[in-house]
């Protein structure tokens, strides 16, 4: 049973109501009213097209680390300034929390109290060259993220820069079904972008989708029709490798009901946890009790976040984050 959440102040320009609006409508409203449509995304001029070219396609788009036989590559699909002010989205954060967060991740702090963030996917290259992709970014023009995010993302080009062809991807793990994490799963005609890949999603994530959630029509049904949707329940080993190495889907609920992370275990030679949206801003690294306004169950998200951070500290493994300025970090 989900706890009853207090009604929090809405971002500037978004009316507060007793019935919580959908995540997408809140983001769309903040982008349209508070930020002058999508102009805030453009680092150089003010249109979605300009935002798409922001930052170029240089080496910063790909950062890699190894865990045993696995190469884990952080792939930056996009970068931008989140709609609204950072305090809007983390209303419980205090001055000391923000100060520590800025020391941990100065790249997240834009002018006028804004939140700068990357939209990042991860590719895990296994022995033999096959790829497990974790999340697929914001997607092309016309994707569900287009109303608030800097579409088009760059993932297809970044994959080519990393030497990855679509047919190399045999597994896609979707940490959750928010539009900035499934955008390149299909194209705008509903054709799967990775036709040889099973797409691993927690059953609880599918079951929790609202009837009008864009994820159902845009990604779930096309994958189901293509026979590529692979539902799992709980902690499941997704891939096994040499020397006790493995990739494991680990339930990390709270941000959404069926949110999952991916633990890359290098067989005694390092561990990397690809966290999805367990923590979305460095303020949650500085103060794990700070809630993100769009978490579906803030109490569960808080417990999950603390557990993930505690485990990383206890075992000395890296966290691989979706939105922080540094893709890999030790808490």
C-alpha atoms as a PDB file:
ATOM      1  CA  UNK A   1       0.000   0.000   0.000  1.00  0.00           C
ATOM      2  CA  UNK A   2       1.374   3.396  -0.944  1.00  0.00           C
ATOM      3  CA  UNK A   3       1.637   6.061   1.737  1.00  0.00           C
ATOM      4  CA  UNK A   4      -0.476   9.190   1.482  1.00  0.00           C
ATOM      5  CA  UNK A   5       1.789  11.945   0.187  1.00  0.00           C
ATOM      6  CA  UNK A   6       1.446  15.540   1.310  1.00  0.00           C
ATOM      7  CA  UNK A   7       0.458  17.995  -1.397  1.00  0.00           C
ATOM      8  CA  UNK A   8       3.638  19.823  -2.360  1.00  0.00           C
ATOM      9  CA  UNK A   9       3.967  23.217  -4.014  1.00  0.00           C
ATOM     10  CA  UNK A  10       3.866  22.959  -7.775  1.00  0.00           C
ATOM     11  CA  UNK A  11       6.662  24.406  -9.901  1.00  0.00           C
ATOM     12  CA  UNK A  12       6.111  27.965 -11.027  1.00  0.00           C
ATOM     13  CA  UNK A  13       3.249  28.122 -13.523  1.00  0.00           C
ATOM     14  CA  UNK A  14       1.875  24.663 -12.652  1.00  0.00           C
ATOM     15  CA  UNK A  15      -1.318  24.761 -10.552  1.00  0.00           C
ATOM     16  CA  UNK A  16      -1.362  22.663  -7.394  1.00  0.00           C
ATOM     17  CA  UNK A  17      -4.292  20.293  -6.947  1.00  0.00           C
ATOM     18  CA  UNK A  18      -5.347  17.744  -4.366  1.00  0.00           C
ATOM     19  CA  UNK A  19      -5.311  15.007  -7.025  1.00  0.00           C
ATOM     20  CA  UNK A  20      -1.717  14.609  -8.201  1.00  0.00           C
ATOM     21  CA  UNK A  21      -1.345  15.302 -11.928  1.00  0.00           C
ATOM     22  CA  UNK A  22       0.567  12.909 -14.115  1.00  0.00           C
ATOM     23  CA  UNK A  23       4.323  13.205 -14.196  1.00  0.00           C
ATOM     24  CA  UNK A  24       4.309  14.066 -17.879  1.00  0.00           C
ATOM     25  CA  UNK A  25       1.712  16.817 -17.494  1.00  0.00           C
ATOM     26  CA  UNK A  26       3.689  18.399 -14.660  1.00  0.00           C
ATOM     27  CA  UNK A  27       6.867  18.393 -16.742  1.00  0.00           C
ATOM     28  CA  UNK A  28       5.078  19.662 -19.828  1.00  0.00           C
ATOM     29  CA  UNK A  29       3.490  22.444 -17.799  1.00  0.00           C
ATOM     30  CA  UNK A  30       6.778  23.473 -16.242  1.00  0.00           C
ATOM     31  CA  UNK A  31       8.482  23.492 -19.625  1.00  0.00           C
ATOM     32  CA  UNK A  32       5.706  25.422 -21.354  1.00  0.00           C
ATOM     33  CA  UNK A  33       4.767  27.974 -18.708  1.00  0.00           C
ATOM     34  CA  UNK A  34       7.786  28.258 -16.478  1.00  0.00           C
ATOM     35  CA  UNK A  35      10.488  28.008 -19.104  1.00  0.00           C
ATOM     36  CA  UNK A  36       9.005  29.405 -22.311  1.00  0.00           C
ATOM     37  CA  UNK A  37       8.303  26.075 -24.013  1.00  0.00           C
ATOM     38  CA  UNK A  38      11.521  24.184 -24.722  1.00  0.00           C
ATOM     39  CA  UNK A  39      13.814  27.156 -25.177  1.00  0.00           C
ATOM     40  CA  UNK A  40      15.604  26.535 -21.888  1.00  0.00           C
ATOM     41  CA  UNK A  41      17.095  23.345 -23.257  1.00  0.00           C
ATOM     42  CA  UNK A  42      19.149  25.123 -25.866  1.00  0.00           C
ATOM     43  CA  UNK A  43      22.595  25.925 -24.608  1.00  0.00           C
ATOM     44  CA  UNK A  44      23.245  28.111 -27.633  1.00  0.00           C
ATOM     45  CA  UNK A  45      20.059  29.606 -28.922  1.00  0.00           C
ATOM     46  CA  UNK A  46      16.629  28.404 -28.001  1.00  0.00           C
ATOM     47  CA  UNK A  47      15.072  25.659 -30.113  1.00  0.00           C
ATOM     48  CA  UNK A  48      14.910  21.874 -29.784  1.00  0.00           C
ATOM     49  CA  UNK A  49      17.195  21.608 -32.809  1.00  0.00           C
ATOM     50  CA  UNK A  50      19.767  23.836 -31.171  1.00  0.00           C
ATOM     51  CA  UNK A  51      19.477  21.813 -27.977  1.00  0.00           C
ATOM     52  CA  UNK A  52      20.167  18.632 -29.910  1.00  0.00           C
ATOM     53  CA  UNK A  53      23.554  19.921 -31.010  1.00  0.00           C
ATOM     54  CA  UNK A  54      24.505  21.258 -27.586  1.00  0.00           C
ATOM     55  CA  UNK A  55      27.722  19.698 -26.409  1.00  0.00           C
ATOM     56  CA  UNK A  56      28.567  18.093 -29.729  1.00  0.00           C
ATOM     57  CA  UNK A  57      29.358  14.402 -30.070  1.00  0.00           C
ATOM     58  CA  UNK A  58      32.854  14.290 -28.650  1.00  0.00           C
ATOM     59  CA  UNK A  59      34.527  11.914 -26.264  1.00  0.00           C
ATOM     60  CA  UNK A  60      32.503  13.193 -23.297  1.00  0.00           C
ATOM     61  CA  UNK A  61      29.505  11.387 -24.741  1.00  0.00           C
ATOM     62  CA  UNK A  62      31.179   8.017 -24.003  1.00  0.00           C
ATOM     63  CA  UNK A  63      32.888   7.183 -20.713  1.00  0.00           C
ATOM     64  CA  UNK A  64      33.809   3.592 -19.871  1.00  0.00           C
ATOM     65  CA  UNK A  65      34.826   1.507 -16.883  1.00  0.00           C
ATOM     66  CA  UNK A  66      35.510  -2.205 -16.567  1.00  0.00           C
ATOM     67  CA  UNK A  67      34.277  -4.811 -14.129  1.00  0.00           C
ATOM     68  CA  UNK A  68      36.067  -8.089 -14.805  1.00  0.00           C
ATOM     69  CA  UNK A  69      35.248  -9.192 -18.368  1.00  0.00           C
ATOM     70  CA  UNK A  70      32.645  -6.464 -18.879  1.00  0.00           C
ATOM     71  CA  UNK A  71      33.147  -3.017 -20.350  1.00  0.00           C
ATOM     72  CA  UNK A  72      30.469  -0.655 -19.045  1.00  0.00           C
ATOM     73  CA  UNK A  73      30.018   2.386 -21.285  1.00  0.00           C
ATOM     74  CA  UNK A  74      28.110   5.502 -20.257  1.00  0.00           C
ATOM     75  CA  UNK A  75      26.403   6.877 -23.384  1.00  0.00           C
ATOM     76  CA  UNK A  76      25.094  10.431 -23.218  1.00  0.00           C
ATOM     77  CA  UNK A  77      21.929  10.723 -25.267  1.00  0.00           C
ATOM     78  CA  UNK A  78      21.291  14.388 -24.422  1.00  0.00           C
ATOM     79  CA  UNK A  79      22.003  17.255 -22.070  1.00  0.00           C
ATOM     80  CA  UNK A  80      19.918  20.191 -20.943  1.00  0.00           C
ATOM     81  CA  UNK A  81      18.488  22.402 -18.215  1.00  0.00           C
ATOM     82  CA  UNK A  82      15.513  20.883 -16.427  1.00  0.00           C
ATOM     83  CA  UNK A  83      12.282  22.930 -16.461  1.00  0.00           C
ATOM     84  CA  UNK A  84      11.757  25.124 -13.414  1.00  0.00           C
ATOM     85  CA  UNK A  85      13.974  25.715 -10.402  1.00  0.00           C
ATOM     86  CA  UNK A  86      15.809  22.917  -8.637  1.00  0.00           C
ATOM     87  CA  UNK A  87      14.046  23.648  -5.339  1.00  0.00           C
ATOM     88  CA  UNK A  88      10.711  22.998  -7.068  1.00  0.00           C
ATOM     89  CA  UNK A  89      11.665  19.366  -7.569  1.00  0.00           C
ATOM     90  CA  UNK A  90      13.429  18.789  -4.238  1.00  0.00           C
ATOM     91  CA  UNK A  91      11.370  20.924  -1.832  1.00  0.00           C
ATOM     92  CA  UNK A  92      12.770  19.264   1.310  1.00  0.00           C
ATOM     93  CA  UNK A  93      16.403  20.099   0.508  1.00  0.00           C
ATOM     94  CA  UNK A  94      18.003  22.697   2.766  1.00  0.00           C
ATOM     95  CA  UNK A  95      20.854  25.116   2.201  1.00  0.00           C
ATOM     96  CA  UNK A  96      23.442  22.733   3.658  1.00  0.00           C
ATOM     97  CA  UNK A  97      22.185  19.920   1.396  1.00  0.00           C
ATOM     98  CA  UNK A  98      22.540  22.115  -1.677  1.00  0.00           C
ATOM     99  CA  UNK A  99      25.994  23.286  -0.607  1.00  0.00           C
ATOM    100  CA  UNK A 100      27.249  19.737  -0.232  1.00  0.00           C
ATOM    101  CA  UNK A 101      25.609  18.683  -3.501  1.00  0.00           C
ATOM    102  CA  UNK A 102      27.360  21.505  -5.338  1.00  0.00           C
ATOM    103  CA  UNK A 103      30.706  20.301  -4.034  1.00  0.00           C
ATOM    104  CA  UNK A 104      29.904  16.754  -5.168  1.00  0.00           C
ATOM    105  CA  UNK A 105      28.553  17.653  -8.618  1.00  0.00           C
ATOM    106  CA  UNK A 106      29.112  21.288  -9.627  1.00  0.00           C
ATOM    107  CA  UNK A 107      28.023  20.537 -13.206  1.00  0.00           C
ATOM    108  CA  UNK A 108      24.442  20.047 -11.970  1.00  0.00           C
ATOM    109  CA  UNK A 109      24.139  23.687 -10.919  1.00  0.00           C
ATOM    110  CA  UNK A 110      23.087  26.079 -13.654  1.00  0.00           C
ATOM    111  CA  UNK A 111      22.408  29.816 -13.457  1.00  0.00           C
ATOM    112  CA  UNK A 112      19.342  31.156 -11.635  1.00  0.00           C
ATOM    113  CA  UNK A 113      18.947  28.064  -9.427  1.00  0.00           C
ATOM    114  CA  UNK A 114      18.421  25.730 -12.369  1.00  0.00           C
ATOM    115  CA  UNK A 115      19.247  22.039 -12.663  1.00  0.00           C
ATOM    116  CA  UNK A 116      21.645  20.918 -15.395  1.00  0.00           C
ATOM    117  CA  UNK A 117      21.554  17.233 -16.229  1.00  0.00           C
ATOM    118  CA  UNK A 118      22.576  14.561 -18.676  1.00  0.00           C
ATOM    119  CA  UNK A 119      20.244  11.929 -20.080  1.00  0.00           C
ATOM    120  CA  UNK A 120      22.368   8.821 -20.091  1.00  0.00           C
ATOM    121  CA  UNK A 121      22.104   5.172 -21.138  1.00  0.00           C
ATOM    122  CA  UNK A 122      24.596   2.384 -20.490  1.00  0.00           C
ATOM    123  CA  UNK A 123      25.955  -0.299 -22.782  1.00  0.00           C
ATOM    124  CA  UNK A 124      27.625  -3.356 -21.280  1.00  0.00           C
ATOM    125  CA  UNK A 125      29.937  -5.071 -23.746  1.00  0.00           C
ATOM    126  CA  UNK A 126      30.336  -8.730 -22.916  1.00  0.00           C
ATOM    127  CA  UNK A 127      33.048 -11.160 -24.028  1.00  0.00           C
ATOM    128  CA  UNK A 128      32.474 -11.827 -27.707  1.00  0.00           C
ATOM    129  CA  UNK A 129      31.191  -8.327 -28.359  1.00  0.00           C
ATOM    130  CA  UNK A 130      27.493  -8.765 -27.599  1.00  0.00           C
ATOM    131  CA  UNK A 131      25.763  -5.833 -25.889  1.00  0.00           C
ATOM    132  CA  UNK A 132      23.314  -5.402 -23.054  1.00  0.00           C
ATOM    133  CA  UNK A 133      21.831  -1.909 -23.207  1.00  0.00           C
ATOM    134  CA  UNK A 134      20.394  -0.342 -20.068  1.00  0.00           C
ATOM    135  CA  UNK A 135      17.744   2.252 -20.960  1.00  0.00           C
ATOM    136  CA  UNK A 136      17.330   3.983 -24.311  1.00  0.00           C
ATOM    137  CA  UNK A 137      17.170   7.707 -23.596  1.00  0.00           C
ATOM    138  CA  UNK A 138      14.780  10.429 -24.723  1.00  0.00           C
ATOM    139  CA  UNK A 139      14.329   9.252 -28.299  1.00  0.00           C
ATOM    140  CA  UNK A 140      13.645  10.950 -31.629  1.00  0.00           C
ATOM    141  CA  UNK A 141      11.506  13.944 -32.507  1.00  0.00           C
ATOM    142  CA  UNK A 142       7.946  12.876 -31.829  1.00  0.00           C
ATOM    143  CA  UNK A 143       8.775  10.610 -28.900  1.00  0.00           C
ATOM    144  CA  UNK A 144       6.700  10.999 -25.703  1.00  0.00           C
ATOM    145  CA  UNK A 145       9.521  12.987 -24.080  1.00  0.00           C
ATOM    146  CA  UNK A 146       9.280  15.671 -26.765  1.00  0.00           C
ATOM    147  CA  UNK A 147       6.903  17.874 -24.752  1.00  0.00           C
ATOM    148  CA  UNK A 148       9.584  18.620 -22.153  1.00  0.00           C
ATOM    149  CA  UNK A 149      12.946  17.081 -23.094  1.00  0.00           C
ATOM    150  CA  UNK A 150      15.625  18.081 -25.657  1.00  0.00           C
ATOM    151  CA  UNK A 151      14.696  15.728 -28.467  1.00  0.00           C
ATOM    152  CA  UNK A 152      16.117  14.365 -30.641  1.00  0.00           C
ATOM    153  CA  UNK A 153      18.599  12.452 -28.536  1.00  0.00           C
ATOM    154  CA  UNK A 154      21.900  11.290 -29.968  1.00  0.00           C
ATOM    155  CA  UNK A 155      21.928   7.621 -28.946  1.00  0.00           C
ATOM    156  CA  UNK A 156      22.070   6.091 -32.462  1.00  0.00           C
ATOM    157  CA  UNK A 157      25.107   8.213 -33.321  1.00  0.00           C
ATOM    158  CA  UNK A 158      26.745   7.592 -29.935  1.00  0.00           C
ATOM    159  CA  UNK A 159      26.307   3.853 -30.371  1.00  0.00           C
ATOM    160  CA  UNK A 160      28.122   4.062 -33.699  1.00  0.00           C
ATOM    161  CA  UNK A 161      30.911   6.071 -32.049  1.00  0.00           C
ATOM    162  CA  UNK A 162      31.212   3.264 -29.503  1.00  0.00           C
ATOM    163  CA  UNK A 163      31.476   0.677 -32.285  1.00  0.00           C
ATOM    164  CA  UNK A 164      28.035  -0.785 -31.546  1.00  0.00           C
ATOM    165  CA  UNK A 165      25.593  -1.778 -34.264  1.00  0.00           C
ATOM    166  CA  UNK A 166      21.901  -2.256 -33.517  1.00  0.00           C
ATOM    167  CA  UNK A 167      22.202  -5.972 -34.253  1.00  0.00           C
ATOM    168  CA  UNK A 168      24.916  -6.296 -31.591  1.00  0.00           C
ATOM    169  CA  UNK A 169      22.331  -5.554 -28.885  1.00  0.00           C
ATOM    170  CA  UNK A 170      20.728  -8.788 -27.714  1.00  0.00           C
ATOM    171  CA  UNK A 171      19.291  -7.501 -24.417  1.00  0.00           C
ATOM    172  CA  UNK A 172      17.740  -4.183 -23.409  1.00  0.00           C
ATOM    173  CA  UNK A 173      16.995  -3.657 -19.731  1.00  0.00           C
ATOM    174  CA  UNK A 174      14.561  -0.817 -19.097  1.00  0.00           C
ATOM    175  CA  UNK A 175      15.038   0.426 -15.561  1.00  0.00           C
ATOM    176  CA  UNK A 176      11.530   1.916 -15.661  1.00  0.00           C
ATOM    177  CA  UNK A 177       8.939   3.230 -18.082  1.00  0.00           C
ATOM    178  CA  UNK A 178       9.441   6.983 -17.943  1.00  0.00           C
ATOM    179  CA  UNK A 179       9.701   8.605 -21.331  1.00  0.00           C
ATOM    180  CA  UNK A 180      13.306   9.790 -20.914  1.00  0.00           C
ATOM    181  CA  UNK A 181      14.396   6.169 -20.366  1.00  0.00           C
ATOM    182  CA  UNK A 182      12.576   4.326 -23.189  1.00  0.00           C
ATOM    183  CA  UNK A 183      12.680   6.877 -26.036  1.00  0.00           C
ATOM    184  CA  UNK A 184      14.847   4.923 -28.504  1.00  0.00           C
ATOM    185  CA  UNK A 185      13.258   1.535 -27.759  1.00  0.00           C
ATOM    186  CA  UNK A 186      11.102   1.955 -30.873  1.00  0.00           C
ATOM    187  CA  UNK A 187      10.925   4.493 -33.662  1.00  0.00           C
ATOM    188  CA  UNK A 188       7.894   6.716 -34.154  1.00  0.00           C
ATOM    189  CA  UNK A 189       6.239   4.066 -36.369  1.00  0.00           C
ATOM    190  CA  UNK A 190       6.363   1.566 -33.498  1.00  0.00           C
ATOM    191  CA  UNK A 191       9.143  -0.523 -35.038  1.00  0.00           C
ATOM    192  CA  UNK A 192      11.589  -1.890 -32.431  1.00  0.00           C
ATOM    193  CA  UNK A 193      14.920  -0.120 -32.737  1.00  0.00           C
ATOM    194  CA  UNK A 194      16.816  -3.207 -31.518  1.00  0.00           C
ATOM    195  CA  UNK A 195      15.045  -6.044 -33.351  1.00  0.00           C
ATOM    196  CA  UNK A 196      17.304  -8.833 -32.038  1.00  0.00           C
ATOM    197  CA  UNK A 197      16.969  -7.894 -28.374  1.00  0.00           C
ATOM    198  CA  UNK A 198      14.724  -9.144 -25.625  1.00  0.00           C
ATOM    199  CA  UNK A 199      13.523  -6.173 -23.573  1.00  0.00           C
ATOM    200  CA  UNK A 200      13.592  -6.860 -19.858  1.00  0.00           C
ATOM    201  CA  UNK A 201      11.034  -5.050 -17.678  1.00  0.00           C
ATOM    202  CA  UNK A 202       9.744  -5.809 -14.197  1.00  0.00           C
ATOM    203  CA  UNK A 203       6.169  -7.109 -14.316  1.00  0.00           C
ATOM    204  CA  UNK A 204       5.312  -4.733 -11.455  1.00  0.00           C
ATOM    205  CA  UNK A 205       6.280  -1.804 -13.677  1.00  0.00           C
ATOM    206  CA  UNK A 206       3.852  -2.854 -16.399  1.00  0.00           C
ATOM    207  CA  UNK A 207       1.060  -3.547 -13.942  1.00  0.00           C
ATOM    208  CA  UNK A 208       1.413  -0.120 -12.318  1.00  0.00           C
ATOM    209  CA  UNK A 209       0.999   1.837 -15.561  1.00  0.00           C
ATOM    210  CA  UNK A 210      -2.032   4.106 -15.666  1.00  0.00           C
ATOM    211  CA  UNK A 211      -4.523   3.386 -18.408  1.00  0.00           C
ATOM    212  CA  UNK A 212      -3.524   6.524 -20.317  1.00  0.00           C
ATOM    213  CA  UNK A 213       0.230   6.237 -19.779  1.00  0.00           C
ATOM    214  CA  UNK A 214       2.062   6.900 -23.039  1.00  0.00           C
ATOM    215  CA  UNK A 215       4.429   4.012 -22.326  1.00  0.00           C
ATOM    216  CA  UNK A 216       1.698   1.473 -23.053  1.00  0.00           C
ATOM    217  CA  UNK A 217       0.998   2.512 -26.620  1.00  0.00           C
ATOM    218  CA  UNK A 218       4.467   3.782 -27.481  1.00  0.00           C
ATOM    219  CA  UNK A 219       6.668   0.970 -26.191  1.00  0.00           C
ATOM    220  CA  UNK A 220       4.897  -1.859 -24.338  1.00  0.00           C
ATOM    221  CA  UNK A 221       2.426  -2.880 -27.047  1.00  0.00           C
ATOM    222  CA  UNK A 222       4.926  -2.653 -29.939  1.00  0.00           C
ATOM    223  CA  UNK A 223       7.383  -4.832 -28.020  1.00  0.00           C
ATOM    224  CA  UNK A 224       4.636  -7.291 -27.148  1.00  0.00           C
ATOM    225  CA  UNK A 225       3.502  -7.527 -30.775  1.00  0.00           C
ATOM    226  CA  UNK A 226       7.084  -8.154 -31.876  1.00  0.00           C
ATOM    227  CA  UNK A 227       7.568 -10.866 -29.240  1.00  0.00           C
ATOM    228  CA  UNK A 228      10.406  -8.891 -27.654  1.00  0.00           C
ATOM    229  CA  UNK A 229       8.867  -8.007 -24.274  1.00  0.00           C
ATOM    230  CA  UNK A 230      10.404 -10.101 -21.491  1.00  0.00           C
ATOM    231  CA  UNK A 231       8.739  -9.636 -18.103  1.00  0.00           C
ATOM    232  CA  UNK A 232      10.539 -10.633 -14.913  1.00  0.00           C
ATOM    233  CA  UNK A 233       9.629 -10.721 -11.242  1.00  0.00           C
ATOM    234  CA  UNK A 234      12.150  -9.600  -8.683  1.00  0.00           C
ATOM    235  CA  UNK A 235      15.884 -10.206  -8.736  1.00  0.00           C
ATOM    236  CA  UNK A 236      16.860 -12.074 -11.904  1.00  0.00           C
ATOM    237  CA  UNK A 237      20.236 -12.891 -13.453  1.00  0.00           C
ATOM    238  CA  UNK A 238      20.031 -11.443 -16.946  1.00  0.00           C
ATOM    239  CA  UNK A 239      23.389 -12.682 -18.250  1.00  0.00           C
ATOM    240  CA  UNK A 240      26.063 -15.057 -16.951  1.00  0.00           C
ATOM    241  CA  UNK A 241      29.703 -14.633 -17.865  1.00  0.00           C
ATOM    242  CA  UNK A 242      33.055 -16.325 -17.278  1.00  0.00           C
ATOM    243  CA  UNK A 243      34.524 -16.737 -13.816  1.00  0.00           C
ATOM    244  CA  UNK A 244      31.294 -16.104 -11.862  1.00  0.00           C
ATOM    245  CA  UNK A 245      30.716 -12.765 -13.580  1.00  0.00           C
ATOM    246  CA  UNK A 246      27.125 -11.757 -14.260  1.00  0.00           C
ATOM    247  CA  UNK A 247      24.562  -9.063 -14.966  1.00  0.00           C
ATOM    248  CA  UNK A 248      21.625  -9.069 -12.556  1.00  0.00           C
ATOM    249  CA  UNK A 249      18.392  -7.084 -12.577  1.00  0.00           C
ATOM    250  CA  UNK A 250      17.781  -5.860  -9.023  1.00  0.00           C
ATOM    251  CA  UNK A 251      14.424  -4.388  -7.920  1.00  0.00           C
ATOM    252  CA  UNK A 252      14.932  -0.830  -6.642  1.00  0.00           C
ATOM    253  CA  UNK A 253      11.365   0.469  -6.279  1.00  0.00           C
ATOM    254  CA  UNK A 254      10.128   3.881  -5.239  1.00  0.00           C
ATOM    255  CA  UNK A 255      10.848   6.137  -8.178  1.00  0.00           C
ATOM    256  CA  UNK A 256       8.290   3.880  -9.871  1.00  0.00           C
ATOM    257  CA  UNK A 257       6.620   0.742  -8.590  1.00  0.00           C
ATOM    258  CA  UNK A 258       8.709  -1.602 -10.735  1.00  0.00           C
ATOM    259  CA  UNK A 259      11.952   0.356 -10.976  1.00  0.00           C
ATOM    260  CA  UNK A 260      15.023  -1.854 -11.339  1.00  0.00           C
ATOM    261  CA  UNK A 261      18.771  -1.361 -11.441  1.00  0.00           C
ATOM    262  CA  UNK A 262      21.441  -3.555 -13.025  1.00  0.00           C
ATOM    263  CA  UNK A 263      24.316  -4.991 -10.996  1.00  0.00           C
ATOM    264  CA  UNK A 264      27.396  -5.753 -13.080  1.00  0.00           C
ATOM    265  CA  UNK A 265      29.564  -8.223 -11.165  1.00  0.00           C
ATOM    266  CA  UNK A 266      33.041  -8.813 -12.506  1.00  0.00           C
ATOM    267  CA  UNK A 267      33.675 -12.155 -10.816  1.00  0.00           C
ATOM    268  CA  UNK A 268      35.698 -10.679  -7.974  1.00  0.00           C
ATOM    269  CA  UNK A 269      37.154  -7.938 -10.181  1.00  0.00           C
ATOM    270  CA  UNK A 270      34.839  -5.045  -9.501  1.00  0.00           C
ATOM    271  CA  UNK A 271      31.131  -4.309  -9.297  1.00  0.00           C
ATOM    272  CA  UNK A 272      29.133  -1.544 -10.932  1.00  0.00           C
ATOM    273  CA  UNK A 273      25.501  -0.757 -10.111  1.00  0.00           C
ATOM    274  CA  UNK A 274      23.659   0.981 -12.945  1.00  0.00           C
ATOM    275  CA  UNK A 275      21.127   2.881 -10.873  1.00  0.00           C
ATOM    276  CA  UNK A 276      18.517   4.293 -13.246  1.00  0.00           C
ATOM    277  CA  UNK A 277      16.648   6.957 -11.265  1.00  0.00           C
ATOM    278  CA  UNK A 278      17.373   5.733  -7.730  1.00  0.00           C
ATOM    279  CA  UNK A 279      19.023   9.131  -7.367  1.00  0.00           C
ATOM    280  CA  UNK A 280      18.470  11.816  -9.958  1.00  0.00           C
ATOM    281  CA  UNK A 281      20.450  14.742  -8.511  1.00  0.00           C
ATOM    282  CA  UNK A 282      23.548  15.059  -6.348  1.00  0.00           C
ATOM    283  CA  UNK A 283      21.402  16.528  -3.575  1.00  0.00           C
ATOM    284  CA  UNK A 284      20.092  12.987  -3.053  1.00  0.00           C
ATOM    285  CA  UNK A 285      23.659  11.763  -2.813  1.00  0.00           C
ATOM    286  CA  UNK A 286      24.439  14.467  -0.269  1.00  0.00           C
ATOM    287  CA  UNK A 287      21.202  13.824   1.666  1.00  0.00           C
ATOM    288  CA  UNK A 288      19.525  10.509   0.703  1.00  0.00           C
ATOM    289  CA  UNK A 289      16.388  11.410   2.663  1.00  0.00           C
ATOM    290  CA  UNK A 290      15.623  14.269   0.240  1.00  0.00           C
ATOM    291  CA  UNK A 291      12.713  13.272  -1.975  1.00  0.00           C
ATOM    292  CA  UNK A 292      12.269  14.057  -5.654  1.00  0.00           C
ATOM    293  CA  UNK A 293       8.833  15.515  -6.300  1.00  0.00           C
ATOM    294  CA  UNK A 294       8.034  13.041  -9.085  1.00  0.00           C
ATOM    295  CA  UNK A 295       8.851   9.840  -7.198  1.00  0.00           C
ATOM    296  CA  UNK A 296       5.745   7.667  -7.159  1.00  0.00           C
ATOM    297  CA  UNK A 297       6.366   6.451  -3.591  1.00  0.00           C
ATOM    298  CA  UNK A 298       8.735   8.756  -1.765  1.00  0.00           C
ATOM    299  CA  UNK A 299       9.030   6.656   1.402  1.00  0.00           C
ATOM    300  CA  UNK A 300      10.000   3.544  -0.568  1.00  0.00           C
ATOM    301  CA  UNK A 301      12.327   5.563  -2.811  1.00  0.00           C
ATOM    302  CA  UNK A 302      14.082   6.941   0.251  1.00  0.00           C
ATOM    303  CA  UNK A 303      14.661   3.456   1.701  1.00  0.00           C
ATOM    304  CA  UNK A 304      15.827   2.129  -1.660  1.00  0.00           C
ATOM    305  CA  UNK A 305      18.261   4.996  -2.144  1.00  0.00           C
ATOM    306  CA  UNK A 306      19.785   4.532   1.289  1.00  0.00           C
ATOM    307  CA  UNK A 307      20.117   0.772   0.761  1.00  0.00           C
ATOM    308  CA  UNK A 308      21.819   1.218  -2.620  1.00  0.00           C
ATOM    309  CA  UNK A 309      24.270   3.750  -1.188  1.00  0.00           C
ATOM    310  CA  UNK A 310      24.985   1.597   1.868  1.00  0.00           C
ATOM    311  CA  UNK A 311      25.645  -1.470  -0.285  1.00  0.00           C
ATOM    312  CA  UNK A 312      27.952   0.478  -2.578  1.00  0.00           C
ATOM    313  CA  UNK A 313      29.940   1.767   0.381  1.00  0.00           C
ATOM    314  CA  UNK A 314      30.079  -1.635   2.056  1.00  0.00           C
ATOM    315  CA  UNK A 315      31.265  -3.433  -1.082  1.00  0.00           C
ATOM    316  CA  UNK A 316      33.272  -0.604  -2.646  1.00  0.00           C
ATOM    317  CA  UNK A 317      31.525  -0.697  -5.980  1.00  0.00           C
ATOM    318  CA  UNK A 318      30.843   2.089  -8.427  1.00  0.00           C
ATOM    319  CA  UNK A 319      27.495   3.653  -9.093  1.00  0.00           C
ATOM    320  CA  UNK A 320      26.630   4.419 -12.717  1.00  0.00           C
ATOM    321  CA  UNK A 321      24.027   7.189 -12.766  1.00  0.00           C
ATOM    322  CA  UNK A 322      21.554   8.349 -15.383  1.00  0.00           C
ATOM    323  CA  UNK A 323      21.457  12.100 -14.734  1.00  0.00           C
ATOM    324  CA  UNK A 324      24.370  13.267 -12.549  1.00  0.00           C
ATOM    325  CA  UNK A 325      27.245  15.226 -14.047  1.00  0.00           C
ATOM    326  CA  UNK A 326      29.641  12.329 -13.462  1.00  0.00           C
ATOM    327  CA  UNK A 327      28.492   9.021 -14.905  1.00  0.00           C
ATOM    328  CA  UNK A 328      30.550   6.886 -12.494  1.00  0.00           C
ATOM    329  CA  UNK A 329      31.072   7.668  -8.836  1.00  0.00           C
ATOM    330  CA  UNK A 330      31.791   6.118  -5.466  1.00  0.00           C
ATOM    331  CA  UNK A 331      29.428   7.372  -2.768  1.00  0.00           C
END
